[in-house]
Amino acid sequence: MCRFSVIAFCGTRVCLLDLSTSFDQNVCMSNSPDRNLWTEPQHAREYLQRADSLPHRTEGESTLLELVPKEAKRILDLGSGNARLLKLVRKDRPGAEFVALDFSSHMLEALHQQFDAEPKVTVVAHDFSLPLPLLGSFDAVISSFAIHHVTHERKRRLYAEIFDRLRPGGVFCNLEHVSSPTERLHLEFLRHMGMTPAQEDASNKLLDLETQLTWLREIGFADVDCLWKWRELALFAGVK
């Protein structure tokens, strides 16, 4: 799935979810499986034009870098997009091998242009709304603004698949767009982003942070925590 998609609740629609943490956390979130604009190259191009301006993004990224083990040998990047996060981690862990996974044709083209000549980076075309392919085991799995594009049911299954592919002591780091606890806070977030509800990405399927932390613990991750957060942008992680 393409990384970095910014910001999207469901605009004027109200969706009632079967994952019930509280009414405020679960209203106005889209969990519709039939909306994914990331198959359209124009959508990916428009996102890339604004991706670097995402407020406070570098704070979350720098915290993520602290969590990736220095001795990591293999790292999986889910939803690599234009490789912004991959390049940051690769610069900090130059000895590691990377697998970059995405499904957008536009993003895959950019990844191949950057890394086809790099023996330590493998680009894989895959839509992670489907089960992850057999890619071996990893010391770290990272993702940035990507997993919120799949349905909530698929999010939980994906987290379990990530756990299975981590080596003992491996870490999962997810820099993600999560839902606000209330509609007022969501609207404030949009205001800080310079957006209106009508401009939100219809592909987004936002879920509250606490539910996702609970899932990680239930799956078996240890030391699960949210390590950084600014409004609807959060970094959460767990260790196998």
Foldseek 3Di string as FASTA:
>chain_A
DAFQADFAAAQPAWDADPPPPDRFQRTSHDQDAPDDPLQPLVVLVVRVVCRVVDPPPVVLLVVVLVVQDLPWAEEEEENCQLVPSVVVNCVSNVNHAYEYEEAHPNRLVNVCVVPVVPPRYHYDHDDLLDPDDCDAATQEYEYHADLQLHGPVSSLVNLLSNVVRYDAFHKYKYFYFATASHPVLSQVVCVVVVHHNVPGRNSGRHGHPVVSLVSNVVSPFPPWDWPDDDRRTTMIMTGD
